[in-house]
Amino acid sequence: ASRHIQDPASQRLTWNTPPKSVLVIKKIQDASLLEPFKELCIFLAKVKNMIVYVEKKVLEDPAISSNENFGAITKGFCTFREDLDNISNLVDFIICLGGDGTLLYASSLFQESVPPVMAFHLGSLGFLTPFKFDTYQSQVTQVIEGNAAIVLRSRLKVRVLKENREKKARVDELGAIWTNGDVEGSRRVAQYQV
């Protein structure tokens, strides 16, 4: 009997209902991302009529808060504070502006399932951030319309232990893997990237 294995490149994003809200994560303290951030947020809020979530600390940046034209638009944004506000059930998908570190940071904001992530490469590393910003409007539109390929990713949770543990690997009741007495890890299939 032959087995059929689906090509991962053929997996497509589909929405049960059209997305209404988007979280935009911008690499912090990077002035080169201010204009792309503003342009993207205006497109999402005004053209696509999305509810835009951003980190409160991003809107407190003087380069953003002092801009009168953009400031009027940000009044309609929803804000949250890392480690204080739970937005996991409020966001339909995430857009990251930065590099791989920004993408990993966005993933860390969600303890369980991570919404679909669209990552634009505007940082120093871009192994996980496949999109180029110069065509963001058409690419974001494809995601909103459910016409985009997805890449399923797993998230590993690892903790380095300093005390001496038993040397052979074992799996505990939570699914954590203990090996060599040095590392504890568990695997979650919790994130997919557009």
N, C-alpha and C. Protein backbone atom coordinates (compact mmCIF):
# COMPACT_ATOMS: atom_id res chain seq x y z
N ALA A 1 0.85 -1.19 0.00
CA ALA A 1 0.00 0.00 0.00
C ALA A 1 0.88 1.24 0.00
N SER A 2 0.53 2.20 -0.80
CA SER A 2 1.31 3.43 -0.84
C SER A 2 0.71 4.47 0.09
N ARG A 3 1.57 5.30 0.63
CA ARG A 3 1.13 6.38 1.52
C ARG A 3 1.16 7.69 0.76
N HIS A 4 0.19 8.50 1.01
CA HIS A 4 0.14 9.82 0.39
C HIS A 4 0.58 10.83 1.44
N ILE A 5 1.61 11.57 1.13
CA ILE A 5 2.09 12.61 2.04
C ILE A 5 1.87 13.95 1.35
N GLN A 6 1.10 14.80 2.00
CA GLN A 6 0.80 16.10 1.41
C GLN A 6 2.04 16.98 1.41
N ASP A 7 2.24 17.65 0.31
CA ASP A 7 3.34 18.60 0.18
C ASP A 7 3.06 19.78 1.10
N PRO A 8 3.98 20.10 2.05
CA PRO A 8 3.74 21.22 2.96
C PRO A 8 3.52 22.54 2.22
N ALA A 9 4.09 22.69 1.04
CA ALA A 9 3.94 23.94 0.28
C ALA A 9 2.52 24.11 -0.25
N SER A 10 1.73 23.03 -0.24
CA SER A 10 0.37 23.13 -0.78
C SER A 10 -0.67 23.47 0.29
N GLN A 11 -0.26 23.61 1.54
CA GLN A 11 -1.21 23.95 2.60
C GLN A 11 -1.60 25.42 2.47
N ARG A 12 -2.90 25.69 2.61
CA ARG A 12 -3.42 27.03 2.41
C ARG A 12 -4.10 27.52 3.68
N LEU A 13 -4.04 28.82 3.88
CA LEU A 13 -4.74 29.47 4.98
C LEU A 13 -6.19 29.64 4.60
N THR A 14 -7.10 29.24 5.47
CA THR A 14 -8.53 29.48 5.26
C THR A 14 -9.10 30.05 6.54
N TRP A 15 -10.05 30.94 6.41
CA TRP A 15 -10.72 31.56 7.55
C TRP A 15 -12.15 31.05 7.62
N ASN A 16 -12.64 30.74 8.82
CA ASN A 16 -14.06 30.42 9.00
C ASN A 16 -14.90 31.67 8.79
N THR A 17 -14.42 32.79 9.30
CA THR A 17 -15.03 34.10 9.07
C THR A 17 -13.89 35.05 8.73
N PRO A 18 -14.16 36.09 7.95
CA PRO A 18 -13.07 37.00 7.59
C PRO A 18 -12.42 37.61 8.84
N PRO A 19 -11.10 37.76 8.83
CA PRO A 19 -10.43 38.34 9.99
C PRO A 19 -10.83 39.80 10.17
N LYS A 20 -10.93 40.20 11.44
CA LYS A 20 -11.31 41.57 11.76
C LYS A 20 -10.21 42.32 12.50
N SER A 21 -9.32 41.58 13.15
CA SER A 21 -8.31 42.23 13.99
C SER A 21 -6.92 41.70 13.67
N VAL A 22 -5.95 42.60 13.80
CA VAL A 22 -4.57 42.25 13.50
C VAL A 22 -3.66 42.89 14.55
N LEU A 23 -2.67 42.15 14.97
CA LEU A 23 -1.64 42.66 15.88
C LEU A 23 -0.42 43.01 15.03
N VAL A 24 0.03 44.25 15.14
CA VAL A 24 1.23 44.67 14.41
C VAL A 24 2.36 44.82 15.42
N ILE A 25 3.41 44.03 15.24
CA ILE A 25 4.59 44.07 16.10
C ILE A 25 5.73 44.69 15.31
N LYS A 26 6.32 45.73 15.87
CA LYS A 26 7.43 46.43 15.24
C LYS A 26 8.68 46.23 16.08
N LYS A 27 9.79 45.99 15.42
CA LYS A 27 11.07 45.93 16.13
C LYS A 27 11.27 47.26 16.85
N ILE A 28 11.53 47.18 18.15
CA ILE A 28 11.64 48.41 18.94
C ILE A 28 12.99 49.08 18.71
N GLN A 29 13.01 50.37 18.96
CA GLN A 29 14.21 51.20 18.88
C GLN A 29 14.91 51.08 17.52
N ASP A 30 14.11 51.05 16.47
CA ASP A 30 14.67 51.02 15.12
C ASP A 30 13.95 52.08 14.30
N ALA A 31 14.58 53.23 14.16
CA ALA A 31 13.97 54.36 13.47
C ALA A 31 13.66 54.05 12.00
N SER A 32 14.39 53.13 11.41
CA SER A 32 14.15 52.81 10.00
C SER A 32 12.81 52.14 9.77
N LEU A 33 12.18 51.65 10.85
CA LEU A 33 10.89 50.96 10.71
C LEU A 33 9.70 51.87 10.97
N LEU A 34 9.93 53.12 11.33
CA LEU A 34 8.81 54.02 11.64
C LEU A 34 7.90 54.24 10.44
N GLU A 35 8.47 54.56 9.30
CA GLU A 35 7.64 54.81 8.11
C GLU A 35 6.92 53.55 7.63
N PRO A 36 7.60 52.38 7.52
CA PRO A 36 6.86 51.17 7.15
C PRO A 36 5.75 50.84 8.16
N PHE A 37 6.02 51.04 9.45
CA PHE A 37 5.01 50.79 10.48
C PHE A 37 3.79 51.68 10.28
N LYS A 38 4.02 52.97 10.08
CA LYS A 38 2.91 53.91 9.88
C LYS A 38 2.13 53.56 8.61
N GLU A 39 2.86 53.31 7.55
CA GLU A 39 2.22 52.99 6.26
C GLU A 39 1.35 51.74 6.37
N LEU A 40 1.88 50.70 7.00
CA LEU A 40 1.14 49.46 7.17
C LEU A 40 -0.09 49.67 8.04
N CYS A 41 0.06 50.37 9.15
CA CYS A 41 -1.06 50.58 10.07
C CYS A 41 -2.17 51.40 9.41
N ILE A 42 -1.81 52.41 8.64
CA ILE A 42 -2.81 53.21 7.93
C ILE A 42 -3.55 52.32 6.92
N PHE A 43 -2.81 51.50 6.19
CA PHE A 43 -3.42 50.58 5.22
C PHE A 43 -4.40 49.63 5.92
N LEU A 44 -3.98 49.05 7.04
CA LEU A 44 -4.84 48.10 7.75
C LEU A 44 -6.09 48.77 8.30
N ALA A 45 -5.91 49.93 8.93
CA ALA A 45 -7.03 50.61 9.59
C ALA A 45 -7.97 51.29 8.60
N LYS A 46 -7.42 52.01 7.65
CA LYS A 46 -8.24 52.84 6.76
C LYS A 46 -8.69 52.12 5.49
N VAL A 47 -7.83 51.34 4.89
CA VAL A 47 -8.18 50.67 3.63
C VAL A 47 -8.87 49.34 3.90
N LYS A 48 -8.34 48.56 4.84
CA LYS A 48 -8.89 47.23 5.12
C LYS A 48 -9.87 47.21 6.29
N ASN A 49 -10.06 48.33 6.94
CA ASN A 49 -11.01 48.46 8.06
C ASN A 49 -10.79 47.41 9.15
N MET A 50 -9.53 47.15 9.46
CA MET A 50 -9.18 46.19 10.50
C MET A 50 -9.08 46.88 11.85
N ILE A 51 -9.34 46.13 12.91
CA ILE A 51 -9.03 46.59 14.26
C ILE A 51 -7.55 46.32 14.45
N VAL A 52 -6.78 47.35 14.71
CA VAL A 52 -5.33 47.24 14.81
C VAL A 52 -4.91 47.26 16.27
N TYR A 53 -4.18 46.22 16.69
CA TYR A 53 -3.59 46.15 18.02
C TYR A 53 -2.11 46.44 17.91
N VAL A 54 -1.60 47.25 18.81
CA VAL A 54 -0.16 47.52 18.89
C VAL A 54 0.22 47.58 20.36
N GLU A 55 1.50 47.42 20.62
CA GLU A 55 1.98 47.53 21.99
C GLU A 55 1.90 48.98 22.44
N LYS A 56 1.49 49.17 23.67
CA LYS A 56 1.37 50.52 24.22
C LYS A 56 2.70 51.26 24.14
N LYS A 57 3.81 50.56 24.42
CA LYS A 57 5.12 51.21 24.41
C LYS A 57 5.51 51.69 23.01
N VAL A 58 4.98 51.07 21.97
CA VAL A 58 5.28 51.51 20.60
C VAL A 58 4.63 52.86 20.34
N LEU A 59 3.38 53.02 20.77
CA LEU A 59 2.69 54.29 20.56
C LEU A 59 3.23 55.40 21.45
N GLU A 60 3.94 55.04 22.52
CA GLU A 60 4.54 56.05 23.41
C GLU A 60 5.87 56.56 22.87
N ASP A 61 6.38 55.95 21.81
CA ASP A 61 7.62 56.41 21.18
C ASP A 61 7.39 57.84 20.69
N PRO A 62 8.23 58.81 21.10
CA PRO A 62 8.05 60.20 20.68
C PRO A 62 7.99 60.39 19.17
N ALA A 63 8.70 59.58 18.43
CA ALA A 63 8.67 59.69 16.97
C ALA A 63 7.29 59.36 16.40
N ILE A 64 6.52 58.59 17.14
CA ILE A 64 5.16 58.25 16.71
C ILE A 64 4.14 59.18 17.36
N SER A 65 4.27 59.37 18.67
CA SER A 65 3.27 60.18 19.39
C SER A 65 3.30 61.65 19.00
N SER A 66 4.44 62.15 18.51
CA SER A 66 4.54 63.56 18.14
C SER A 66 4.04 63.84 16.72
N ASN A 67 3.76 62.80 15.97
CA ASN A 67 3.28 62.96 14.59
C ASN A 67 1.77 63.17 14.62
N GLU A 68 1.32 64.41 14.35
CA GLU A 68 -0.10 64.75 14.47
C GLU A 68 -0.98 63.95 13.52
N ASN A 69 -0.58 63.81 12.28
CA ASN A 69 -1.40 63.08 11.31
C ASN A 69 -1.56 61.61 11.71
N PHE A 70 -0.46 60.97 12.07
CA PHE A 70 -0.53 59.56 12.45
C PHE A 70 -1.17 59.42 13.83
N GLY A 71 -0.96 60.39 14.71
CA GLY A 71 -1.55 60.35 16.04
C GLY A 71 -3.07 60.27 16.00
N ALA A 72 -3.68 60.95 15.05
CA ALA A 72 -5.14 60.90 14.92
C ALA A 72 -5.60 59.49 14.56
N ILE A 73 -4.83 58.79 13.76
CA ILE A 73 -5.18 57.42 13.37
C ILE A 73 -4.97 56.46 14.53
N THR A 74 -3.90 56.67 15.30
CA THR A 74 -3.60 55.74 16.41
C THR A 74 -4.64 55.80 17.52
N LYS A 75 -5.43 56.85 17.57
CA LYS A 75 -6.48 56.93 18.59
C LYS A 75 -7.49 55.80 18.43
N GLY A 76 -7.61 55.26 17.22
CA GLY A 76 -8.51 54.14 16.98
C GLY A 76 -7.88 52.79 17.21
N PHE A 77 -6.59 52.75 17.53
CA PHE A 77 -5.90 51.49 17.76
C PHE A 77 -6.21 50.95 19.15
N CYS A 78 -6.11 49.65 19.30
CA CYS A 78 -6.19 49.01 20.61
C CYS A 78 -4.76 48.75 21.06
N THR A 79 -4.50 49.00 22.33
CA THR A 79 -3.14 48.78 22.84
C THR A 79 -3.14 47.70 23.91
N PHE A 80 -1.98 47.14 24.13
CA PHE A 80 -1.80 46.17 25.20
C PHE A 80 -0.40 46.32 25.76
N ARG A 81 -0.22 45.76 26.95
CA ARG A 81 1.09 45.79 27.61
C ARG A 81 1.57 44.35 27.78
N GLU A 82 2.78 44.12 27.33
CA GLU A 82 3.39 42.79 27.45
C GLU A 82 3.36 42.35 28.91
N ASP A 83 3.02 41.11 29.14
CA ASP A 83 2.97 40.47 30.46
C ASP A 83 1.82 40.97 31.33
N LEU A 84 1.04 41.94 30.89
CA LEU A 84 -0.08 42.43 31.69
C LEU A 84 -1.43 42.17 31.03
N ASP A 85 -1.51 42.27 29.73
CA ASP A 85 -2.77 42.12 29.02
C ASP A 85 -2.76 40.85 28.17
N ASN A 86 -3.84 40.09 28.25
CA ASN A 86 -3.97 38.87 27.46
C ASN A 86 -4.77 39.20 26.20
N ILE A 87 -4.15 39.10 25.06
CA ILE A 87 -4.82 39.40 23.80
C ILE A 87 -5.03 38.16 22.95
N SER A 88 -4.81 36.99 23.52
CA SER A 88 -4.81 35.76 22.73
C SER A 88 -6.14 35.49 22.04
N ASN A 89 -7.25 35.91 22.61
CA ASN A 89 -8.55 35.66 21.97
C ASN A 89 -9.05 36.87 21.19
N LEU A 90 -8.24 37.91 21.09
CA LEU A 90 -8.68 39.15 20.44
C LEU A 90 -8.08 39.35 19.06
N VAL A 91 -7.02 38.64 18.75
CA VAL A 91 -6.25 38.88 17.53
C VAL A 91 -6.48 37.74 16.54
N ASP A 92 -6.81 38.09 15.30
CA ASP A 92 -7.01 37.07 14.26
C ASP A 92 -5.69 36.65 13.60
N PHE A 93 -4.81 37.61 13.38
CA PHE A 93 -3.49 37.29 12.85
C PHE A 93 -2.50 38.37 13.26
N ILE A 94 -1.22 38.10 13.02
CA ILE A 94 -0.14 38.98 13.46
C ILE A 94 0.69 39.37 12.24
N ILE A 95 1.12 40.63 12.22
CA ILE A 95 2.09 41.07 11.22
C ILE A 95 3.31 41.59 11.97
N CYS A 96 4.48 41.06 11.63
CA CYS A 96 5.73 41.48 12.26
C CYS A 96 6.56 42.29 11.27
N LEU A 97 7.11 43.38 11.77
CA LEU A 97 8.05 44.20 10.99
C LEU A 97 9.38 44.16 11.71
N GLY A 98 10.36 43.51 11.13
CA GLY A 98 11.66 43.37 11.76
C GLY A 98 12.36 42.15 11.21
N GLY A 99 13.06 41.46 12.07
CA GLY A 99 13.78 40.26 11.67
C GLY A 99 13.27 39.06 12.43
N ASP A 100 14.10 38.03 12.48
CA ASP A 100 13.71 36.80 13.16
C ASP A 100 13.44 37.02 14.64
N GLY A 101 14.20 37.90 15.28
CA GLY A 101 13.99 38.18 16.70
C GLY A 101 12.61 38.77 16.96
N THR A 102 12.13 39.61 16.07
CA THR A 102 10.80 40.20 16.22
C THR A 102 9.74 39.12 16.09
N LEU A 103 9.92 38.20 15.16
CA LEU A 103 8.99 37.09 15.00
C LEU A 103 8.96 36.21 16.25
N LEU A 104 10.13 35.90 16.79
CA LEU A 104 10.19 35.08 18.00
C LEU A 104 9.56 35.81 19.19
N TYR A 105 9.77 37.11 19.27
CA TYR A 105 9.15 37.90 20.33
C TYR A 105 7.63 37.84 20.21
N ALA A 106 7.10 38.00 19.01
CA ALA A 106 5.65 37.95 18.80
C ALA A 106 5.10 36.61 19.25
N SER A 107 5.79 35.54 18.93
CA SER A 107 5.36 34.20 19.35
C SER A 107 5.34 34.07 20.87
N SER A 108 6.28 34.72 21.54
CA SER A 108 6.37 34.62 23.00
C SER A 108 5.21 35.32 23.70
N LEU A 109 4.48 36.17 23.00
CA LEU A 109 3.35 36.87 23.61
C LEU A 109 2.14 35.96 23.81
N PHE A 110 2.16 34.79 23.19
CA PHE A 110 1.04 33.86 23.24
C PHE A 110 1.50 32.58 23.92
N GLN A 111 0.89 32.24 25.03
CA GLN A 111 1.32 31.07 25.79
C GLN A 111 0.83 29.77 25.17
N GLU A 112 -0.31 29.80 24.53
CA GLU A 112 -0.85 28.59 23.92
C GLU A 112 -0.75 28.71 22.40
N SER A 113 -1.87 28.67 21.73
CA SER A 113 -1.90 28.74 20.28
C SER A 113 -1.57 30.14 19.79
N VAL A 114 -0.73 30.21 18.79
CA VAL A 114 -0.33 31.49 18.21
C VAL A 114 -1.13 31.71 16.93
N PRO A 115 -1.74 32.89 16.76
CA PRO A 115 -2.47 33.15 15.51
C PRO A 115 -1.51 33.10 14.32
N PRO A 116 -2.04 33.03 13.10
CA PRO A 116 -1.16 33.07 11.93
C PRO A 116 -0.27 34.31 11.96
N VAL A 117 0.98 34.13 11.58
CA VAL A 117 1.96 35.22 11.62
C VAL A 117 2.46 35.49 10.21
N MET A 118 2.43 36.77 9.84
CA MET A 118 2.98 37.22 8.57
C MET A 118 4.18 38.09 8.92
N ALA A 119 5.37 37.65 8.54
CA ALA A 119 6.59 38.32 8.99
C ALA A 119 7.31 38.97 7.81
N PHE A 120 7.48 40.29 7.91
CA PHE A 120 8.20 41.04 6.88
C PHE A 120 9.64 41.23 7.31
N HIS A 121 10.55 40.90 6.41
CA HIS A 121 11.98 40.98 6.69
C HIS A 121 12.45 42.43 6.58
N LEU A 122 12.64 43.06 7.74
CA LEU A 122 13.17 44.42 7.79
C LEU A 122 14.28 44.50 8.83
N GLY A 123 14.82 43.36 9.22
CA GLY A 123 15.85 43.33 10.25
C GLY A 123 17.15 42.80 9.71
N SER A 124 18.03 42.39 10.62
CA SER A 124 19.34 41.91 10.21
C SER A 124 19.31 40.46 9.75
N LEU A 125 18.51 39.62 10.40
CA LEU A 125 18.38 38.22 9.99
C LEU A 125 16.99 38.02 9.39
N GLY A 126 16.89 37.14 8.43
CA GLY A 126 15.60 36.94 7.79
C GLY A 126 15.33 35.50 7.41
N PHE A 127 15.80 34.56 8.21
CA PHE A 127 15.58 33.16 7.89
C PHE A 127 14.11 32.77 8.06
N LEU A 128 13.43 33.38 9.03
CA LEU A 128 12.04 33.05 9.32
C LEU A 128 11.06 34.09 8.79
N THR A 129 11.57 35.16 8.22
CA THR A 129 10.72 36.27 7.79
C THR A 129 10.78 36.39 6.26
N PRO A 130 9.89 35.70 5.56
CA PRO A 130 10.03 35.57 4.11
C PRO A 130 9.51 36.73 3.27
N PHE A 131 8.70 37.61 3.83
CA PHE A 131 8.05 38.62 3.01
C PHE A 131 8.89 39.89 2.87
N LYS A 132 8.87 40.46 1.70
CA LYS A 132 9.51 41.75 1.43
C LYS A 132 8.44 42.83 1.55
N PHE A 133 8.80 43.95 2.16
CA PHE A 133 7.81 44.97 2.47
C PHE A 133 7.31 45.73 1.24
N ASP A 134 8.08 45.78 0.18
CA ASP A 134 7.68 46.60 -0.96
C ASP A 134 6.38 46.15 -1.63
N THR A 135 5.93 44.93 -1.38
CA THR A 135 4.65 44.45 -1.94
C THR A 135 3.67 44.09 -0.83
N TYR A 136 3.77 44.77 0.31
CA TYR A 136 2.95 44.39 1.47
C TYR A 136 1.45 44.47 1.20
N GLN A 137 0.98 45.44 0.42
CA GLN A 137 -0.46 45.60 0.22
C GLN A 137 -1.08 44.36 -0.42
N SER A 138 -0.49 43.87 -1.47
CA SER A 138 -1.05 42.68 -2.13
C SER A 138 -0.89 41.44 -1.26
N GLN A 139 0.23 41.33 -0.55
CA GLN A 139 0.45 40.16 0.29
C GLN A 139 -0.51 40.14 1.48
N VAL A 140 -0.71 41.27 2.13
CA VAL A 140 -1.65 41.35 3.25
C VAL A 140 -3.07 41.08 2.76
N THR A 141 -3.42 41.60 1.60
CA THR A 141 -4.75 41.36 1.03
C THR A 141 -4.97 39.88 0.79
N GLN A 142 -3.96 39.18 0.29
CA GLN A 142 -4.09 37.74 0.07
C GLN A 142 -4.33 37.00 1.38
N VAL A 143 -3.65 37.40 2.44
CA VAL A 143 -3.85 36.76 3.74
C VAL A 143 -5.27 37.03 4.24
N ILE A 144 -5.71 38.28 4.18
CA ILE A 144 -7.05 38.63 4.66
C ILE A 144 -8.12 37.87 3.88
N GLU A 145 -7.91 37.69 2.59
CA GLU A 145 -8.87 36.98 1.76
C GLU A 145 -8.73 35.46 1.85
N GLY A 146 -7.77 34.97 2.63
CA GLY A 146 -7.59 33.53 2.77
C GLY A 146 -6.97 32.89 1.54
N ASN A 147 -6.18 33.64 0.83
CA ASN A 147 -5.56 33.15 -0.39
C ASN A 147 -4.04 33.15 -0.23
N ALA A 148 -3.56 32.44 0.79
CA ALA A 148 -2.12 32.43 1.07
C ALA A 148 -1.68 31.04 1.52
N ALA A 149 -0.48 30.69 1.14
CA ALA A 149 0.11 29.43 1.60
C ALA A 149 0.55 29.60 3.05
N ILE A 150 0.55 28.51 3.80
CA ILE A 150 1.03 28.57 5.18
C ILE A 150 2.14 27.53 5.39
N VAL A 151 2.98 27.84 6.35
CA VAL A 151 4.02 26.92 6.78
C VAL A 151 3.75 26.63 8.25
N LEU A 152 3.48 25.37 8.55
CA LEU A 152 3.25 24.99 9.94
C LEU A 152 4.59 24.92 10.66
N ARG A 153 4.63 25.48 11.85
CA ARG A 153 5.86 25.49 12.64
C ARG A 153 5.55 24.96 14.03
N SER A 154 6.55 24.38 14.64
CA SER A 154 6.44 23.92 16.03
C SER A 154 7.22 24.86 16.92
N ARG A 155 6.77 24.97 18.13
CA ARG A 155 7.47 25.81 19.09
C ARG A 155 8.03 24.89 20.17
N LEU A 156 9.30 25.03 20.44
CA LEU A 156 9.94 24.25 21.48
C LEU A 156 10.10 25.11 22.72
N LYS A 157 9.83 24.51 23.84
CA LYS A 157 10.05 25.19 25.11
C LYS A 157 11.19 24.45 25.79
N VAL A 158 12.26 25.15 26.06
CA VAL A 158 13.45 24.53 26.63
C VAL A 158 13.86 25.29 27.87
N ARG A 159 14.27 24.56 28.88
CA ARG A 159 14.78 25.18 30.10
C ARG A 159 16.09 24.50 30.45
N VAL A 160 17.13 25.28 30.65
CA VAL A 160 18.44 24.76 31.01
C VAL A 160 18.47 24.61 32.53
N LEU A 161 18.85 23.43 32.97
CA LEU A 161 18.91 23.13 34.40
C LEU A 161 20.36 23.15 34.85
N LYS A 162 20.61 23.77 35.99
CA LYS A 162 21.98 23.86 36.48
C LYS A 162 22.33 22.75 37.46
N GLU A 163 21.34 22.22 38.12
CA GLU A 163 21.64 21.16 39.09
C GLU A 163 21.74 19.82 38.37
N ASN A 164 22.42 18.88 38.98
CA ASN A 164 22.64 17.58 38.37
C ASN A 164 21.36 16.76 38.43
N ARG A 165 20.92 16.26 37.29
CA ARG A 165 19.73 15.41 37.19
C ARG A 165 20.16 14.03 36.69
N GLU A 166 19.23 13.08 36.70
CA GLU A 166 19.58 11.76 36.21
C GLU A 166 19.98 11.84 34.74
N LYS A 167 20.85 10.93 34.32
CA LYS A 167 21.50 11.05 33.02
C LYS A 167 20.68 10.51 31.85
N LYS A 168 19.75 9.61 32.05
CA LYS A 168 19.02 9.09 30.89
C LYS A 168 17.75 9.91 30.64
N ALA A 169 17.30 9.93 29.42
CA ALA A 169 16.13 10.73 29.03
C ALA A 169 14.86 10.09 29.58
N ARG A 170 13.92 10.95 29.96
CA ARG A 170 12.60 10.48 30.38
C ARG A 170 11.58 11.55 30.01
N VAL A 171 10.32 11.15 29.92
CA VAL A 171 9.23 12.07 29.61
C VAL A 171 8.32 12.13 30.83
N ASP A 172 8.04 13.35 31.32
CA ASP A 172 7.17 13.46 32.49
C ASP A 172 5.71 13.55 32.08
N GLU A 173 4.82 13.70 33.05
CA GLU A 173 3.38 13.70 32.80
C GLU A 173 2.90 14.89 31.96
N LEU A 174 3.69 15.94 31.86
CA LEU A 174 3.32 17.10 31.05
C LEU A 174 3.88 17.03 29.64
N GLY A 175 4.59 15.96 29.34
CA GLY A 175 5.17 15.82 28.01
C GLY A 175 6.55 16.44 27.89
N ALA A 176 7.11 16.93 29.00
CA ALA A 176 8.45 17.50 28.96
C ALA A 176 9.46 16.38 28.82
N ILE A 177 10.49 16.62 28.04
CA ILE A 177 11.53 15.63 27.81
C ILE A 177 12.75 16.03 28.62
N TRP A 178 13.23 15.11 29.44
CA TRP A 178 14.42 15.36 30.25
C TRP A 178 15.54 14.51 29.67
N THR A 179 16.67 15.14 29.39
CA THR A 179 17.77 14.39 28.82
C THR A 179 19.10 14.92 29.34
N ASN A 180 20.02 14.05 29.58
CA ASN A 180 21.38 14.39 30.03
C ASN A 180 21.41 15.22 31.30
N GLY A 181 20.29 15.36 31.97
CA GLY A 181 20.26 16.15 33.18
C GLY A 181 20.52 17.62 32.95
N ASP A 182 20.59 18.06 31.70
CA ASP A 182 20.95 19.44 31.41
C ASP A 182 19.81 20.26 30.81
N VAL A 183 18.96 19.62 30.05
CA VAL A 183 17.95 20.36 29.29
C VAL A 183 16.58 19.74 29.49
N GLU A 184 15.59 20.59 29.65
CA GLU A 184 14.21 20.14 29.68
C GLU A 184 13.52 20.78 28.49
N GLY A 185 12.74 20.01 27.76
CA GLY A 185 12.06 20.59 26.61
C GLY A 185 10.70 19.97 26.41
N SER A 186 9.81 20.70 25.80
CA SER A 186 8.53 20.16 25.38
C SER A 186 8.19 20.78 24.04
N ARG A 187 7.45 20.05 23.24
CA ARG A 187 7.15 20.50 21.88
C ARG A 187 5.67 20.81 21.77
N ARG A 188 5.37 21.95 21.18
CA ARG A 188 3.98 22.32 20.92
C ARG A 188 3.85 22.64 19.44
N VAL A 189 2.85 22.08 18.81
CA VAL A 189 2.53 22.49 17.45
C VAL A 189 1.51 23.59 17.62
N ALA A 190 2.01 24.81 17.78
CA ALA A 190 1.13 25.90 18.19
C ALA A 190 1.17 27.10 17.27
N GLN A 191 2.05 27.11 16.32
CA GLN A 191 2.19 28.32 15.52
C GLN A 191 2.22 27.95 14.05
N TYR A 192 1.61 28.76 13.27
CA TYR A 192 1.83 28.62 11.84
C TYR A 192 2.10 29.98 11.27
N GLN A 193 2.89 29.98 10.24
CA GLN A 193 3.34 31.22 9.64
C GLN A 193 2.80 31.29 8.23
N VAL A 194 2.28 32.44 7.88
CA VAL A 194 1.73 32.66 6.55
C VAL A 194 2.87 32.86 5.58
